[in-house]
Amino acid sequence: MAKVMEGLRYSESHEYVRVEGNYGFVGITDYAQHALGNVVYVDMPEVGDEVTAGEEFGAVESVKAASDLISPVSGTVVGVNEALEDEPELVNKDAFENWIIKVELSDASELDALMDAKAYTDYTEKL
């Protein structure tokens, strides 16, 4: 069974956001990295780019498939996880530790539309 962490918010497209102050750290869930298999490339936006909740901001490619990344929140990208450029497989080692982008949130109320850990667990058990 995939690991789900308390205190994060989850989207139906299997991204999570960990909120710290006015910032959100966005990555893919453990469920998603298991489904993808060995990650070989992570396509990330540039610092300064805008992301919009529900819209694509990049992609994750594995030996099996490529999957678009859908932002769970809106805001400005203020950081990218540069370690993933050289070691995309870090996502497989710990999807929650190896976030993909750091976003300055423009609308914290968007978090209310995302699932908590229990709701996400229930959601993935039905898939």
N, C-alpha and C. Protein backbone atom coordinates (compact mmCIF):
# COMPACT_ATOMS: atom_id res chain seq x y z
N MET A 1 0.83 -1.19 0.00
CA MET A 1 0.00 0.00 0.00
C MET A 1 0.88 1.26 0.00
N ALA A 2 0.47 2.24 -0.74
CA ALA A 2 1.25 3.47 -0.85
C ALA A 2 1.20 4.27 0.45
N LYS A 3 2.27 4.96 0.72
CA LYS A 3 2.36 5.80 1.91
C LYS A 3 1.61 7.11 1.68
N VAL A 4 0.83 7.52 2.69
CA VAL A 4 0.14 8.80 2.65
C VAL A 4 0.52 9.55 3.92
N MET A 5 0.95 10.80 3.77
CA MET A 5 1.40 11.57 4.94
C MET A 5 0.31 12.51 5.42
N GLU A 6 0.16 12.55 6.74
CA GLU A 6 -0.77 13.49 7.37
C GLU A 6 -0.25 14.92 7.19
N GLY A 7 -1.16 15.87 7.20
CA GLY A 7 -0.76 17.28 7.17
C GLY A 7 -0.55 17.84 5.77
N LEU A 8 -0.65 16.98 4.75
CA LEU A 8 -0.52 17.46 3.38
C LEU A 8 -1.91 17.52 2.75
N ARG A 9 -2.01 18.19 1.62
CA ARG A 9 -3.25 18.22 0.84
C ARG A 9 -2.97 17.51 -0.48
N TYR A 10 -3.97 16.77 -0.97
CA TYR A 10 -3.80 15.91 -2.13
C TYR A 10 -4.81 16.22 -3.22
N SER A 11 -4.38 16.04 -4.48
CA SER A 11 -5.28 16.23 -5.63
C SER A 11 -5.65 14.87 -6.22
N GLU A 12 -6.73 14.84 -6.99
CA GLU A 12 -7.15 13.60 -7.64
C GLU A 12 -6.14 13.15 -8.70
N SER A 13 -5.31 14.07 -9.18
CA SER A 13 -4.29 13.71 -10.17
C SER A 13 -2.97 13.28 -9.51
N HIS A 14 -3.01 13.06 -8.19
CA HIS A 14 -1.90 12.46 -7.41
C HIS A 14 -0.71 13.39 -7.19
N GLU A 15 -0.98 14.70 -7.08
CA GLU A 15 0.03 15.61 -6.60
C GLU A 15 -0.31 15.96 -5.14
N TYR A 16 0.72 16.32 -4.40
CA TYR A 16 0.49 16.80 -3.03
C TYR A 16 1.04 18.20 -2.90
N VAL A 17 0.59 18.89 -1.87
CA VAL A 17 1.18 20.18 -1.50
C VAL A 17 1.38 20.19 0.01
N ARG A 18 2.60 20.52 0.41
CA ARG A 18 2.93 20.71 1.82
C ARG A 18 3.06 22.21 2.04
N VAL A 19 2.21 22.75 2.88
CA VAL A 19 2.17 24.20 3.07
C VAL A 19 3.04 24.59 4.26
N GLU A 20 3.89 25.58 4.03
CA GLU A 20 4.70 26.19 5.09
C GLU A 20 4.57 27.69 4.93
N GLY A 21 3.80 28.30 5.81
CA GLY A 21 3.55 29.74 5.70
C GLY A 21 2.78 30.04 4.44
N ASN A 22 3.32 30.93 3.60
CA ASN A 22 2.66 31.30 2.35
C ASN A 22 3.23 30.51 1.16
N TYR A 23 3.94 29.44 1.46
CA TYR A 23 4.59 28.65 0.41
C TYR A 23 4.03 27.23 0.39
N GLY A 24 3.98 26.67 -0.81
CA GLY A 24 3.57 25.28 -0.97
C GLY A 24 4.65 24.51 -1.70
N PHE A 25 5.01 23.36 -1.16
CA PHE A 25 5.96 22.46 -1.81
C PHE A 25 5.14 21.39 -2.52
N VAL A 26 5.26 21.33 -3.83
CA VAL A 26 4.41 20.46 -4.66
C VAL A 26 5.24 19.31 -5.20
N GLY A 27 4.68 18.11 -5.11
CA GLY A 27 5.34 16.94 -5.67
C GLY A 27 4.30 15.90 -6.05
N ILE A 28 4.78 14.73 -6.44
CA ILE A 28 3.84 13.64 -6.74
C ILE A 28 3.77 12.72 -5.52
N THR A 29 2.65 12.05 -5.39
CA THR A 29 2.45 11.19 -4.23
C THR A 29 3.21 9.87 -4.38
N ASP A 30 3.29 9.17 -3.27
CA ASP A 30 3.91 7.85 -3.27
C ASP A 30 3.13 6.92 -4.19
N TYR A 31 1.80 7.04 -4.18
CA TYR A 31 0.95 6.25 -5.07
C TYR A 31 1.35 6.49 -6.53
N ALA A 32 1.54 7.75 -6.89
CA ALA A 32 1.89 8.10 -8.27
C ALA A 32 3.26 7.55 -8.67
N GLN A 33 4.24 7.68 -7.79
CA GLN A 33 5.58 7.20 -8.17
C GLN A 33 5.58 5.68 -8.29
N HIS A 34 4.77 4.97 -7.47
CA HIS A 34 4.66 3.51 -7.62
C HIS A 34 4.03 3.17 -8.97
N ALA A 35 2.98 3.90 -9.35
CA ALA A 35 2.28 3.63 -10.61
C ALA A 35 3.19 3.90 -11.81
N LEU A 36 4.02 4.93 -11.72
CA LEU A 36 4.91 5.28 -12.82
C LEU A 36 6.07 4.31 -12.98
N GLY A 37 6.58 3.83 -11.88
CA GLY A 37 7.79 3.00 -11.94
C GLY A 37 9.02 3.89 -11.89
N ASN A 38 10.13 3.40 -12.44
CA ASN A 38 11.41 4.11 -12.34
C ASN A 38 11.38 5.43 -13.09
N VAL A 39 11.45 6.54 -12.32
CA VAL A 39 11.41 7.88 -12.91
C VAL A 39 12.78 8.18 -13.52
N VAL A 40 12.75 8.63 -14.80
CA VAL A 40 14.00 8.92 -15.51
C VAL A 40 14.15 10.40 -15.86
N TYR A 41 13.07 11.18 -15.73
CA TYR A 41 13.16 12.60 -16.07
C TYR A 41 12.00 13.35 -15.41
N VAL A 42 12.31 14.55 -14.89
CA VAL A 42 11.28 15.42 -14.34
C VAL A 42 11.39 16.76 -15.06
N ASP A 43 10.33 17.14 -15.76
CA ASP A 43 10.25 18.42 -16.47
C ASP A 43 9.62 19.44 -15.52
N MET A 44 10.38 20.49 -15.19
CA MET A 44 9.92 21.48 -14.21
C MET A 44 9.86 22.86 -14.84
N PRO A 45 8.99 23.72 -14.32
CA PRO A 45 8.96 25.09 -14.81
C PRO A 45 10.18 25.86 -14.32
N GLU A 46 10.31 27.09 -14.78
CA GLU A 46 11.40 27.96 -14.35
C GLU A 46 10.96 28.77 -13.13
N VAL A 47 11.92 29.15 -12.30
CA VAL A 47 11.64 30.07 -11.21
C VAL A 47 11.08 31.36 -11.81
N GLY A 48 10.00 31.86 -11.24
CA GLY A 48 9.35 33.06 -11.76
C GLY A 48 8.11 32.75 -12.59
N ASP A 49 7.98 31.49 -13.05
CA ASP A 49 6.79 31.10 -13.80
C ASP A 49 5.57 31.09 -12.88
N GLU A 50 4.42 31.32 -13.48
CA GLU A 50 3.15 31.23 -12.75
C GLU A 50 2.57 29.84 -12.97
N VAL A 51 1.99 29.27 -11.91
CA VAL A 51 1.24 28.02 -12.05
C VAL A 51 -0.19 28.28 -11.61
N THR A 52 -1.11 27.52 -12.19
CA THR A 52 -2.53 27.69 -11.90
C THR A 52 -3.10 26.36 -11.46
N ALA A 53 -3.87 26.39 -10.38
CA ALA A 53 -4.49 25.17 -9.87
C ALA A 53 -5.29 24.49 -10.98
N GLY A 54 -5.07 23.19 -11.13
CA GLY A 54 -5.79 22.42 -12.13
C GLY A 54 -5.16 22.42 -13.50
N GLU A 55 -4.03 23.14 -13.66
CA GLU A 55 -3.38 23.20 -14.97
C GLU A 55 -1.98 22.58 -14.91
N GLU A 56 -1.53 22.12 -16.06
CA GLU A 56 -0.24 21.45 -16.18
C GLU A 56 0.92 22.40 -15.91
N PHE A 57 1.94 21.90 -15.19
CA PHE A 57 3.15 22.72 -14.98
C PHE A 57 4.42 21.98 -15.35
N GLY A 58 4.32 20.74 -15.76
CA GLY A 58 5.50 19.97 -16.11
C GLY A 58 5.10 18.53 -16.35
N ALA A 59 6.09 17.64 -16.29
CA ALA A 59 5.81 16.22 -16.52
C ALA A 59 6.85 15.37 -15.80
N VAL A 60 6.45 14.15 -15.52
CA VAL A 60 7.36 13.15 -14.97
C VAL A 60 7.39 12.01 -15.97
N GLU A 61 8.60 11.58 -16.34
CA GLU A 61 8.73 10.48 -17.29
C GLU A 61 9.40 9.31 -16.59
N SER A 62 8.85 8.12 -16.86
CA SER A 62 9.44 6.90 -16.33
C SER A 62 9.74 5.97 -17.50
N VAL A 63 10.32 4.83 -17.17
CA VAL A 63 10.60 3.87 -18.24
C VAL A 63 9.29 3.34 -18.83
N LYS A 64 8.18 3.41 -18.08
CA LYS A 64 6.89 2.89 -18.53
C LYS A 64 6.01 3.94 -19.20
N ALA A 65 6.06 5.18 -18.71
CA ALA A 65 5.07 6.18 -19.15
C ALA A 65 5.54 7.58 -18.85
N ALA A 66 4.84 8.54 -19.42
CA ALA A 66 5.03 9.95 -19.07
C ALA A 66 3.70 10.44 -18.50
N SER A 67 3.78 11.29 -17.50
CA SER A 67 2.57 11.78 -16.86
C SER A 67 2.70 13.28 -16.65
N ASP A 68 1.67 14.02 -17.07
CA ASP A 68 1.66 15.46 -16.83
C ASP A 68 1.56 15.73 -15.34
N LEU A 69 2.19 16.81 -14.92
CA LEU A 69 2.06 17.29 -13.55
C LEU A 69 1.00 18.38 -13.55
N ILE A 70 0.00 18.25 -12.69
CA ILE A 70 -1.09 19.21 -12.59
C ILE A 70 -0.95 19.93 -11.25
N SER A 71 -0.86 21.24 -11.28
CA SER A 71 -0.65 21.99 -10.05
C SER A 71 -1.89 21.96 -9.17
N PRO A 72 -1.73 21.62 -7.89
CA PRO A 72 -2.86 21.65 -6.97
C PRO A 72 -3.18 23.06 -6.46
N VAL A 73 -2.27 24.00 -6.70
CA VAL A 73 -2.42 25.37 -6.21
C VAL A 73 -1.97 26.37 -7.28
N SER A 74 -2.37 27.62 -7.09
CA SER A 74 -1.93 28.71 -7.98
C SER A 74 -0.89 29.56 -7.27
N GLY A 75 0.02 30.13 -8.06
CA GLY A 75 1.02 31.02 -7.49
C GLY A 75 2.23 31.14 -8.38
N THR A 76 3.29 31.69 -7.81
CA THR A 76 4.54 31.92 -8.52
C THR A 76 5.57 30.90 -8.07
N VAL A 77 6.24 30.27 -9.02
CA VAL A 77 7.30 29.32 -8.70
C VAL A 77 8.49 30.10 -8.15
N VAL A 78 8.86 29.80 -6.90
CA VAL A 78 9.99 30.48 -6.28
C VAL A 78 11.18 29.54 -6.08
N GLY A 79 10.98 28.26 -6.42
CA GLY A 79 12.08 27.31 -6.32
C GLY A 79 11.74 26.03 -7.05
N VAL A 80 12.78 25.38 -7.56
CA VAL A 80 12.63 24.04 -8.15
C VAL A 80 13.65 23.13 -7.46
N ASN A 81 13.32 21.86 -7.38
CA ASN A 81 14.21 20.90 -6.75
C ASN A 81 15.29 20.50 -7.76
N GLU A 82 16.40 21.23 -7.75
CA GLU A 82 17.45 21.04 -8.74
C GLU A 82 18.09 19.66 -8.66
N ALA A 83 18.02 19.01 -7.50
CA ALA A 83 18.58 17.67 -7.37
C ALA A 83 17.93 16.70 -8.35
N LEU A 84 16.65 16.96 -8.69
CA LEU A 84 15.94 16.06 -9.60
C LEU A 84 16.43 16.16 -11.03
N GLU A 85 17.12 17.25 -11.38
CA GLU A 85 17.67 17.38 -12.72
C GLU A 85 18.72 16.30 -12.99
N ASP A 86 19.54 16.02 -11.98
CA ASP A 86 20.59 15.01 -12.12
C ASP A 86 20.17 13.64 -11.62
N GLU A 87 19.24 13.62 -10.66
CA GLU A 87 18.81 12.37 -10.05
C GLU A 87 17.29 12.29 -9.95
N PRO A 88 16.60 12.17 -11.10
CA PRO A 88 15.14 12.11 -11.07
C PRO A 88 14.61 10.92 -10.27
N GLU A 89 15.44 9.89 -10.13
CA GLU A 89 15.02 8.70 -9.39
C GLU A 89 14.81 8.96 -7.90
N LEU A 90 15.25 10.13 -7.41
CA LEU A 90 15.00 10.49 -6.01
C LEU A 90 13.50 10.48 -5.70
N VAL A 91 12.69 10.78 -6.71
CA VAL A 91 11.22 10.75 -6.53
C VAL A 91 10.78 9.35 -6.12
N ASN A 92 11.42 8.32 -6.67
CA ASN A 92 11.08 6.94 -6.31
C ASN A 92 11.55 6.59 -4.90
N LYS A 93 12.66 7.17 -4.48
CA LYS A 93 13.20 6.85 -3.15
C LYS A 93 12.30 7.40 -2.06
N ASP A 94 11.86 8.64 -2.20
CA ASP A 94 10.94 9.25 -1.22
C ASP A 94 10.23 10.42 -1.89
N ALA A 95 9.02 10.13 -2.37
CA ALA A 95 8.25 11.14 -3.12
C ALA A 95 7.92 12.36 -2.27
N PHE A 96 7.76 12.15 -0.96
CA PHE A 96 7.37 13.27 -0.09
C PHE A 96 8.56 14.14 0.30
N GLU A 97 9.72 13.55 0.41
CA GLU A 97 10.93 14.31 0.72
C GLU A 97 11.41 15.09 -0.52
N ASN A 98 11.19 14.51 -1.69
CA ASN A 98 11.71 15.08 -2.93
C ASN A 98 10.62 15.79 -3.71
N TRP A 99 10.20 16.92 -3.17
CA TRP A 99 9.21 17.80 -3.83
C TRP A 99 9.78 18.27 -5.16
N ILE A 100 8.90 18.78 -6.02
CA ILE A 100 9.32 19.20 -7.36
C ILE A 100 9.44 20.71 -7.47
N ILE A 101 8.42 21.44 -7.04
CA ILE A 101 8.48 22.91 -7.09
C ILE A 101 8.02 23.52 -5.77
N LYS A 102 8.53 24.71 -5.50
CA LYS A 102 8.10 25.51 -4.36
C LYS A 102 7.36 26.71 -4.93
N VAL A 103 6.12 26.91 -4.46
CA VAL A 103 5.25 27.94 -5.00
C VAL A 103 4.87 28.94 -3.91
N GLU A 104 4.95 30.23 -4.23
CA GLU A 104 4.38 31.24 -3.35
C GLU A 104 2.89 31.28 -3.67
N LEU A 105 2.08 30.90 -2.71
CA LEU A 105 0.64 30.74 -2.94
C LEU A 105 -0.03 32.08 -3.20
N SER A 106 -0.90 32.11 -4.22
CA SER A 106 -1.64 33.33 -4.52
C SER A 106 -3.06 33.28 -3.97
N ASP A 107 -3.56 32.08 -3.64
CA ASP A 107 -4.92 31.94 -3.13
C ASP A 107 -4.99 30.72 -2.22
N ALA A 108 -4.75 30.93 -0.93
CA ALA A 108 -4.72 29.82 0.02
C ALA A 108 -6.06 29.10 0.12
N SER A 109 -7.15 29.74 -0.27
CA SER A 109 -8.46 29.09 -0.18
C SER A 109 -8.55 27.89 -1.13
N GLU A 110 -7.68 27.83 -2.15
CA GLU A 110 -7.67 26.68 -3.06
C GLU A 110 -7.36 25.37 -2.32
N LEU A 111 -6.68 25.48 -1.20
CA LEU A 111 -6.33 24.29 -0.44
C LEU A 111 -7.58 23.56 0.05
N ASP A 112 -8.66 24.31 0.25
CA ASP A 112 -9.91 23.72 0.74
C ASP A 112 -10.50 22.72 -0.25
N ALA A 113 -10.16 22.84 -1.53
CA ALA A 113 -10.69 21.94 -2.56
C ALA A 113 -9.90 20.63 -2.64
N LEU A 114 -8.78 20.55 -1.93
CA LEU A 114 -7.93 19.37 -1.98
C LEU A 114 -8.28 18.41 -0.85
N MET A 115 -7.88 17.15 -1.02
CA MET A 115 -8.19 16.11 -0.02
C MET A 115 -7.16 16.10 1.10
N ASP A 116 -7.62 15.74 2.29
CA ASP A 116 -6.69 15.47 3.38
C ASP A 116 -6.22 14.02 3.25
N ALA A 117 -5.35 13.59 4.16
CA ALA A 117 -4.74 12.26 4.06
C ALA A 117 -5.80 11.15 4.05
N LYS A 118 -6.79 11.23 4.91
CA LYS A 118 -7.81 10.18 4.97
C LYS A 118 -8.62 10.13 3.67
N ALA A 119 -9.04 11.28 3.18
CA ALA A 119 -9.82 11.31 1.95
C ALA A 119 -9.00 10.77 0.78
N TYR A 120 -7.71 11.12 0.73
CA TYR A 120 -6.86 10.62 -0.36
C TYR A 120 -6.66 9.11 -0.25
N THR A 121 -6.46 8.61 0.95
CA THR A 121 -6.34 7.17 1.16
C THR A 121 -7.59 6.46 0.66
N ASP A 122 -8.75 6.97 1.05
CA ASP A 122 -10.03 6.38 0.60
C ASP A 122 -10.13 6.43 -0.92
N TYR A 123 -9.71 7.56 -1.50
CA TYR A 123 -9.76 7.74 -2.96
C TYR A 123 -8.89 6.71 -3.68
N THR A 124 -7.66 6.52 -3.21
CA THR A 124 -6.75 5.60 -3.91
C THR A 124 -7.16 4.14 -3.71
N GLU A 125 -7.82 3.83 -2.61
CA GLU A 125 -8.27 2.46 -2.39
C GLU A 125 -9.37 2.05 -3.37
N LYS A 126 -10.05 3.03 -3.94
CA LYS A 126 -11.13 2.75 -4.90
C LYS A 126 -10.61 2.63 -6.34
N LEU A 127 -9.35 2.99 -6.56
CA LEU A 127 -8.81 2.97 -7.93
C LEU A 127 -8.41 1.57 -8.36
